[in-house]
Amino acid sequence: MKIKEIVDALERFAPLPLQDGFDNAGLQIGLTDAEVTGALLCLDVTEAVLDEAIARGFNLVVSHHPLIFKGCKSITGKNYVERCILKAIRNDIVVYSAHTNLDNVQGGVNYKIAEKIGLVNVRILEPQENQLVKLVTFTPDAYAGQVREALFNAGCGRVGNYDACSYNTKGMGTFRAQEGTHPFCGKIGEEHAESEVRIETILPAYRKAEAIRALLHVHPYEEPAFDVYPVQNAWTQAGSGIIGELEAEEKEEDFLKRIKRIFDVGCLRHNQVRQRPIKTVALCGGAGAFLIPSAIRQHADVFITGEIKYHDYFGYDSEILLAEIGHYESEQYTKEIFYQLIRDLFPTLAVEQTTVNTNPINYL
């Protein structure tokens, strides 16, 4: 089994085009054609994590946070990033990171946090925008089902919690085949009219090439006609943060104590407790304070994230309970996502979660 197979599986689950513009998710170090000897899973790549991989004989490290986030103008070992790069290369270790693409995807980091808390009716808090396109094509009546199926298998037709979505209109198509063509129907040099179905379906923009390949492969015409239009709809299958509900209301202090226990938080910071019931919960792993306004607009009772700046606490006491649990603490269970995904697809592969606590923050 090659490392490339593991990387492909990770990117099918959390496609790289879903990452935020500032990010550097993906392959960090190494060649993926090598045979995989084992995978070590972590939140952060540190020298201690690489030492653990070396000791176990593993040549793949999968992390949430990218090791290489900013450009390196030299590799001399002057900081931990450069030392990790040198150590990984010397020991033929491949480093791969799934960061904001794993944050933004359904079933990713924020869904894992929601699972730990016990939320139901979970949905994206701030869906991505300008990420969808509409594909329109025209096919003979008898082939419409076959073409639709190919498009759905290529990632088309997802609207909210529905799949296989399309709109179909019957009409009459006309064409005249020129010399040198091989028309599916009609004769060369004669105008032909064919009863056709216009198929419209929606898809993520990053899957456009895949969908067009599928269309061209299955369509009976020698030169199928199709159009692609930009769509401004919000994409509810991907985006920042999530929102959901508790099965039963909890008191504020009881809820905060439970969160502190679940995530093993050394110091849970929050704004003023006002004795309101907690039912609707919004959250975002890592540095998610930018989503506080979205949580308020959607009437969340509490917003949980890893980092909130001092001034971000002001002015929200009467609107929402804010809970800051620490960046590492909020994302620590990301390793479980990697583990389940790799274990399910590659049951014979040696895969382990790191025993190294990479949290750089300590509590006195």
Protein backbone atom coordinates (compact mmCIF):
# COMPACT_ATOMS: atom_id res chain seq x y z
CA MET A 1 0.00 0.00 0.00
CA LYS A 2 1.38 3.36 -0.98
CA ILE A 3 1.17 6.56 1.04
CA LYS A 4 -0.63 8.13 -1.92
CA GLU A 5 -3.64 5.89 -1.24
CA ILE A 6 -3.95 7.28 2.31
CA VAL A 7 -3.58 10.85 1.07
CA ASP A 8 -6.23 10.31 -1.62
CA ALA A 9 -8.65 8.96 0.98
CA LEU A 10 -8.09 11.96 3.25
CA GLU A 11 -8.68 14.36 0.36
CA ARG A 12 -11.85 12.59 -0.73
CA PHE A 13 -13.21 13.16 2.78
CA ALA A 14 -11.88 16.72 3.18
CA PRO A 15 -11.12 18.12 -0.30
CA LEU A 16 -8.32 20.67 -0.39
CA PRO A 17 -10.43 23.28 -2.26
CA LEU A 18 -12.51 23.61 0.93
CA GLN A 19 -9.62 25.16 2.84
CA ASP A 20 -9.61 28.88 3.63
CA GLY A 21 -7.48 31.18 1.49
CA PHE A 22 -4.84 31.75 4.18
CA ASP A 23 -4.25 28.05 4.78
CA ASN A 24 -1.58 25.59 3.63
CA ALA A 25 -3.27 22.23 4.05
CA GLY A 26 -2.12 19.19 2.08
CA LEU A 27 1.17 17.41 1.55
CA GLN A 28 3.89 19.14 3.58
CA ILE A 29 6.95 16.92 3.21
CA GLY A 30 7.93 13.78 1.34
CA LEU A 31 7.10 11.52 -1.61
CA THR A 32 3.80 9.67 -1.59
CA ASP A 33 4.86 6.83 -3.93
CA ALA A 34 6.62 5.13 -1.01
CA GLU A 35 5.09 2.07 0.62
CA VAL A 36 3.43 3.06 3.90
CA THR A 37 4.77 1.40 7.03
CA GLY A 38 2.34 3.02 9.45
CA ALA A 39 0.54 6.29 10.19
CA LEU A 40 0.91 8.43 13.31
CA LEU A 41 -1.90 10.93 13.93
CA CYS A 42 -1.47 14.24 15.73
CA LEU A 43 -2.78 17.76 16.12
CA ASP A 44 0.65 19.41 15.73
CA VAL A 45 3.89 18.15 14.21
CA THR A 46 6.73 18.52 16.72
CA GLU A 47 10.13 16.94 17.08
CA ALA A 48 8.75 14.66 19.80
CA VAL A 49 5.97 13.47 17.48
CA LEU A 50 8.49 12.70 14.74
CA ASP A 51 10.67 10.84 17.26
CA GLU A 52 7.64 8.74 18.15
CA ALA A 53 7.01 7.96 14.47
CA ILE A 54 10.66 6.96 14.06
CA ALA A 55 10.51 4.73 17.14
CA ARG A 56 7.38 3.00 15.86
CA GLY A 57 8.83 2.57 12.36
CA PHE A 58 6.06 4.69 10.79
CA ASN A 59 6.80 6.76 7.69
CA LEU A 60 3.57 8.82 7.59
CA VAL A 61 2.52 11.56 10.02
CA VAL A 62 -0.97 13.03 9.59
CA SER A 63 -1.62 16.29 11.42
CA HIS A 64 -4.42 18.83 11.72
CA HIS A 65 -2.24 21.94 11.89
CA PRO A 66 0.16 22.36 8.96
CA LEU A 67 3.82 22.19 9.92
CA ILE A 68 4.73 24.57 7.08
CA PHE A 69 2.34 27.50 7.34
CA LYS A 70 4.56 30.34 6.18
CA GLY A 71 7.21 30.22 3.49
CA CYS A 72 10.68 29.05 4.50
CA LYS A 73 13.54 31.04 2.93
CA SER A 74 16.15 28.71 4.37
CA ILE A 75 16.24 25.35 6.18
CA THR A 76 19.00 25.60 8.78
CA GLY A 77 17.35 24.23 11.92
CA LYS A 78 17.05 27.62 13.62
CA ASN A 79 13.49 26.92 14.82
CA TYR A 80 11.31 23.89 15.54
CA VAL A 81 9.65 24.01 12.10
CA GLU A 82 12.97 23.81 10.28
CA ARG A 83 14.23 21.13 12.66
CA CYS A 84 11.10 19.07 12.00
CA ILE A 85 11.55 19.47 8.25
CA LEU A 86 15.14 18.25 8.47
CA LYS A 87 14.24 15.33 10.74
CA ALA A 88 11.35 14.21 8.52
CA ILE A 89 13.48 14.32 5.36
CA ARG A 90 16.42 12.52 7.00
CA ASN A 91 14.10 9.71 8.12
CA ASP A 92 11.97 9.49 4.96
CA ILE A 93 8.81 10.53 6.80
CA VAL A 94 5.92 11.99 4.85
CA VAL A 95 3.96 14.75 6.62
CA TYR A 96 0.41 15.49 5.54
CA SER A 97 -1.99 18.06 7.08
CA ALA A 98 -5.76 18.48 6.86
CA HIS A 99 -6.56 21.85 8.42
CA THR A 100 -9.38 24.26 7.51
CA ASN A 101 -10.59 21.85 4.83
CA LEU A 102 -11.28 19.44 7.71
CA ASP A 103 -12.83 22.30 9.71
CA ASN A 104 -15.19 23.22 6.87
CA VAL A 105 -16.40 19.79 5.77
CA GLN A 106 -19.42 17.86 7.04
CA GLY A 107 -18.27 15.28 9.56
CA GLY A 108 -15.09 17.24 10.28
CA VAL A 109 -13.61 18.90 13.35
CA ASN A 110 -16.67 20.82 14.48
CA TYR A 111 -18.94 17.81 14.05
CA LYS A 112 -16.62 15.81 16.28
CA ILE A 113 -16.88 18.52 18.96
CA ALA A 114 -20.67 18.44 18.64
CA GLU A 115 -20.61 14.66 19.01
CA LYS A 116 -18.64 14.93 22.25
CA ILE A 117 -21.13 17.47 23.63
CA GLY A 118 -24.15 15.48 22.48
CA LEU A 119 -25.77 17.89 20.03
CA VAL A 120 -28.62 16.94 17.70
CA ASN A 121 -29.95 18.58 14.52
CA VAL A 122 -26.43 19.73 13.68
CA ARG A 123 -25.90 22.08 10.70
CA ILE A 124 -23.30 24.51 9.36
CA LEU A 125 -23.28 27.83 11.23
CA GLU A 126 -21.86 30.00 8.41
CA PRO A 127 -22.10 28.20 5.04
CA GLN A 128 -19.58 28.97 2.33
CA GLU A 129 -20.71 31.24 -0.52
CA ASN A 130 -19.82 31.50 -4.21
CA GLN A 131 -18.69 27.88 -4.21
CA LEU A 132 -21.47 26.39 -6.34
CA VAL A 133 -22.14 26.17 -10.07
CA LYS A 134 -25.06 24.89 -12.12
CA LEU A 135 -24.45 22.42 -14.91
CA VAL A 136 -26.99 22.27 -17.74
CA THR A 137 -26.92 19.68 -20.51
CA PHE A 138 -29.21 18.23 -23.16
CA THR A 139 -29.61 14.54 -23.91
CA PRO A 140 -31.97 12.26 -25.89
CA ASP A 141 -34.96 11.10 -23.82
CA ALA A 142 -33.80 7.51 -23.63
CA TYR A 143 -30.41 8.48 -22.16
CA ALA A 144 -31.55 11.05 -19.57
CA GLY A 145 -31.51 8.58 -16.67
CA GLN A 146 -28.03 7.33 -17.55
CA VAL A 147 -26.64 10.87 -17.84
CA ARG A 148 -28.25 11.97 -14.55
CA GLU A 149 -26.81 8.97 -12.73
CA ALA A 150 -23.31 9.70 -14.04
CA LEU A 151 -23.56 13.33 -12.94
CA PHE A 152 -24.82 12.38 -9.47
CA ASN A 153 -21.93 9.92 -9.07
CA ALA A 154 -19.54 12.75 -10.00
CA GLY A 155 -20.78 14.95 -7.15
CA CYS A 156 -23.75 16.76 -8.67
CA GLY A 157 -27.22 17.13 -7.23
CA ARG A 158 -26.65 17.75 -3.51
CA VAL A 159 -29.04 20.34 -2.04
CA GLY A 160 -29.07 20.48 1.76
CA ASN A 161 -29.81 16.98 3.06
CA TYR A 162 -31.10 15.83 -0.33
CA ASP A 163 -29.13 14.20 -3.12
CA ALA A 164 -29.88 13.18 -6.73
CA CYS A 165 -31.48 16.61 -7.26
CA SER A 166 -32.10 17.84 -10.80
CA TYR A 167 -34.65 19.70 -12.89
CA ASN A 168 -35.68 18.21 -16.22
CA THR A 169 -37.52 19.80 -19.12
CA LYS A 170 -38.47 18.11 -22.37
CA GLY A 171 -37.92 19.94 -25.64
CA MET A 172 -36.75 19.63 -29.21
CA GLY A 173 -33.09 19.88 -30.14
CA THR A 174 -31.88 20.49 -33.69
CA PHE A 175 -28.52 20.05 -35.39
CA ARG A 176 -26.91 19.28 -38.74
CA ALA A 177 -23.90 17.01 -38.87
CA GLN A 178 -21.00 18.16 -41.06
CA GLU A 179 -18.67 16.06 -43.19
CA GLY A 180 -16.20 14.06 -41.11
CA THR A 181 -18.54 13.65 -38.13
CA HIS A 182 -20.09 10.47 -36.74
CA PRO A 183 -23.54 11.53 -35.55
CA PHE A 184 -25.38 9.40 -33.01
CA CYS A 185 -28.64 10.16 -34.83
CA GLY A 186 -29.55 12.01 -38.04
CA LYS A 187 -27.67 12.05 -41.34
CA ILE A 188 -24.65 14.04 -42.45
CA GLY A 189 -25.69 17.21 -44.26
CA GLU A 190 -29.33 17.03 -43.16
CA GLU A 191 -30.94 19.05 -40.38
CA HIS A 192 -32.19 16.72 -37.65
CA ALA A 193 -34.69 17.28 -34.83
CA GLU A 194 -34.41 15.12 -31.70
CA SER A 195 -36.68 14.92 -28.66
CA GLU A 196 -34.35 15.80 -25.76
CA VAL A 197 -34.33 16.42 -22.03
CA ARG A 198 -32.68 19.53 -20.57
CA ILE A 199 -31.05 18.47 -17.30
CA GLU A 200 -30.10 21.09 -14.71
CA THR A 201 -28.17 20.18 -11.57
CA ILE A 202 -25.98 21.90 -9.01
CA LEU A 203 -22.46 21.01 -7.85
CA PRO A 204 -19.44 22.39 -5.98
CA ALA A 205 -17.26 24.43 -8.32
CA TYR A 206 -14.16 22.38 -7.53
CA ARG A 207 -15.90 19.26 -8.93
CA LYS A 208 -16.71 20.87 -12.29
CA ALA A 209 -13.94 19.11 -14.24
CA GLU A 210 -14.90 15.74 -12.77
CA ALA A 211 -18.57 16.27 -13.65
CA ILE A 212 -17.77 17.29 -17.23
CA ARG A 213 -15.56 14.23 -17.67
CA ALA A 214 -18.40 12.03 -16.45
CA LEU A 215 -20.85 13.76 -18.78
CA LEU A 216 -18.63 13.37 -21.85
CA HIS A 217 -17.95 9.73 -21.01
CA VAL A 218 -21.60 8.66 -20.81
CA HIS A 219 -23.38 11.05 -23.20
CA PRO A 220 -24.33 9.40 -26.51
CA TYR A 221 -23.65 12.47 -28.66
CA GLU A 222 -20.29 12.97 -30.33
CA GLU A 223 -20.23 16.59 -29.14
CA PRO A 224 -22.61 17.06 -26.19
CA ALA A 225 -23.83 20.59 -25.47
CA PHE A 226 -23.54 21.83 -21.89
CA ASP A 227 -23.42 25.12 -19.98
CA VAL A 228 -21.93 25.97 -16.58
CA TYR A 229 -23.30 28.94 -14.61
CA PRO A 230 -22.06 30.49 -11.35
CA VAL A 231 -24.56 30.24 -8.48
CA GLN A 232 -24.68 32.60 -5.52
CA ASN A 233 -26.55 30.25 -3.18
CA ALA A 234 -24.92 29.50 0.17
CA TRP A 235 -23.46 25.99 0.23
CA THR A 236 -24.94 24.36 3.33
CA GLN A 237 -22.70 21.28 3.07
CA ALA A 238 -19.53 23.23 3.89
CA GLY A 239 -18.55 26.22 5.97
CA SER A 240 -17.41 27.58 9.31
CA GLY A 241 -18.66 26.41 12.68
CA ILE A 242 -21.82 24.50 13.44
CA ILE A 243 -25.00 24.96 15.44
CA GLY A 244 -27.21 22.34 17.06
CA GLU A 245 -29.39 21.59 20.07
CA LEU A 246 -29.02 19.73 23.33
CA GLU A 247 -31.60 17.01 23.88
CA ALA A 248 -32.55 18.71 27.16
CA GLU A 249 -31.94 22.18 28.56
CA GLU A 250 -29.08 22.68 31.01
CA LYS A 251 -28.27 25.40 33.48
CA GLU A 252 -25.38 27.63 32.43
CA GLU A 253 -23.00 26.65 35.22
CA ASP A 254 -23.81 22.94 34.86
CA PHE A 255 -23.20 23.16 31.12
CA LEU A 256 -19.88 24.96 31.53
CA LYS A 257 -18.71 22.40 34.11
CA ARG A 258 -19.62 19.56 31.75
CA ILE A 259 -17.71 21.20 28.88
CA LYS A 260 -14.70 21.67 31.14
CA ARG A 261 -14.78 17.98 32.03
CA ILE A 262 -15.35 16.67 28.48
CA PHE A 263 -12.43 18.63 27.02
CA ASP A 264 -10.18 18.40 30.08
CA VAL A 265 -9.88 22.19 30.18
CA GLY A 266 -7.32 23.64 32.58
CA CYS A 267 -9.01 27.04 32.62
CA LEU A 268 -12.39 27.65 30.98
CA ARG A 269 -12.93 31.37 30.38
CA HIS A 270 -16.42 32.78 29.87
CA ASN A 271 -18.40 36.00 30.05
CA GLN A 272 -21.07 36.79 32.63
CA VAL A 273 -23.37 33.97 33.73
CA ARG A 274 -26.97 35.22 33.76
CA GLN A 275 -28.88 32.09 34.83
CA ARG A 276 -30.38 31.45 31.37
CA PRO A 277 -31.15 27.93 30.13
CA ILE A 278 -28.80 26.43 27.54
CA LYS A 279 -30.47 24.61 24.67
CA THR A 280 -29.05 25.86 21.33
CA VAL A 281 -25.27 25.55 21.06
CA ALA A 282 -23.00 27.11 18.41
CA LEU A 283 -19.31 26.22 18.25
CA CYS A 284 -16.12 26.39 16.27
CA GLY A 285 -12.85 24.61 16.97
CA GLY A 286 -9.68 26.69 17.18
CA ALA A 287 -9.84 30.47 16.77
CA GLY A 288 -13.53 30.95 16.02
CA ALA A 289 -14.45 34.25 17.64
CA PHE A 290 -15.25 35.72 14.22
CA LEU A 291 -18.42 33.61 14.30
CA ILE A 292 -19.91 35.21 17.43
CA PRO A 293 -22.23 37.50 15.38
CA SER A 294 -23.46 34.51 13.35
CA ALA A 295 -24.19 32.57 16.54
CA ILE A 296 -26.21 35.51 17.88
CA ARG A 297 -28.14 35.92 14.62
CA GLN A 298 -29.14 32.27 14.79
CA HIS A 299 -30.27 32.64 18.42
CA ALA A 300 -27.67 30.36 20.01
CA ASP A 301 -27.66 30.35 23.80
CA VAL A 302 -23.92 29.70 23.98
CA PHE A 303 -20.93 29.90 21.66
CA ILE A 304 -17.93 27.64 22.33
CA THR A 305 -14.55 28.09 20.69
CA GLY A 306 -10.86 27.67 21.35
CA GLU A 307 -9.76 31.31 21.41
CA ILE A 308 -11.51 34.62 22.13
CA LYS A 309 -9.60 37.91 22.37
CA TYR A 310 -10.08 40.19 25.36
CA HIS A 311 -12.11 42.85 23.53
CA ASP A 312 -14.32 40.22 21.88
CA TYR A 313 -15.92 39.56 25.27
CA PHE A 314 -17.38 43.06 25.55
CA GLY A 315 -21.03 43.76 24.77
CA TYR A 316 -22.43 40.24 24.53
CA ASP A 317 -23.47 39.44 28.13
CA SER A 318 -27.17 39.97 27.47
CA GLU A 319 -27.13 38.18 24.10
CA ILE A 320 -25.09 35.00 24.44
CA LEU A 321 -22.88 33.00 26.79
CA LEU A 322 -19.30 32.82 25.48
CA ALA A 323 -17.07 29.90 26.45
CA GLU A 324 -13.35 29.78 25.59
CA ILE A 325 -11.89 26.33 26.15
CA GLY A 326 -8.42 26.58 24.56
CA HIS A 327 -7.25 25.99 21.01
CA TYR A 328 -5.66 22.59 21.63
CA GLU A 329 -8.49 21.45 23.88
CA SER A 330 -11.15 22.30 21.29
CA GLU A 331 -9.44 20.34 18.51
CA GLN A 332 -7.79 17.49 20.40
CA TYR A 333 -10.33 14.91 19.19
CA THR A 334 -9.46 15.60 15.55
CA LYS A 335 -7.11 12.63 15.80
CA GLU A 336 -10.16 10.41 16.22
CA ILE A 337 -11.50 11.57 12.83
CA PHE A 338 -8.24 10.59 11.14
CA TYR A 339 -8.14 7.28 13.00
CA GLN A 340 -11.69 6.21 12.12
CA LEU A 341 -11.33 7.22 8.47
CA ILE A 342 -8.01 5.42 7.93
CA ARG A 343 -8.93 2.39 10.03
CA ASP A 344 -12.21 1.85 8.16
CA LEU A 345 -10.61 2.08 4.71
CA PHE A 346 -7.28 0.39 5.48
CA PRO A 347 -7.93 -2.11 8.29
CA THR A 348 -4.54 -3.84 7.96
CA LEU A 349 -2.51 -0.63 8.23
CA ALA A 350 -0.73 0.17 11.49
CA VAL A 351 -2.27 3.47 12.62
CA GLU A 352 -1.94 5.11 16.04
CA GLN A 353 -2.77 8.40 17.72
CA THR A 354 0.28 10.11 19.13
CA THR A 355 0.94 9.80 22.86
CA VAL A 356 2.61 13.24 22.80
CA ASN A 357 0.62 16.17 24.19
CA THR A 358 1.57 18.93 21.78
CA ASN A 359 -0.29 21.72 23.61
CA PRO A 360 2.29 24.51 24.07
CA ILE A 361 0.16 26.15 26.82
CA ASN A 362 0.42 25.04 30.42
CA TYR A 363 -1.81 25.99 33.36
CA LEU A 364 -0.45 26.70 36.82
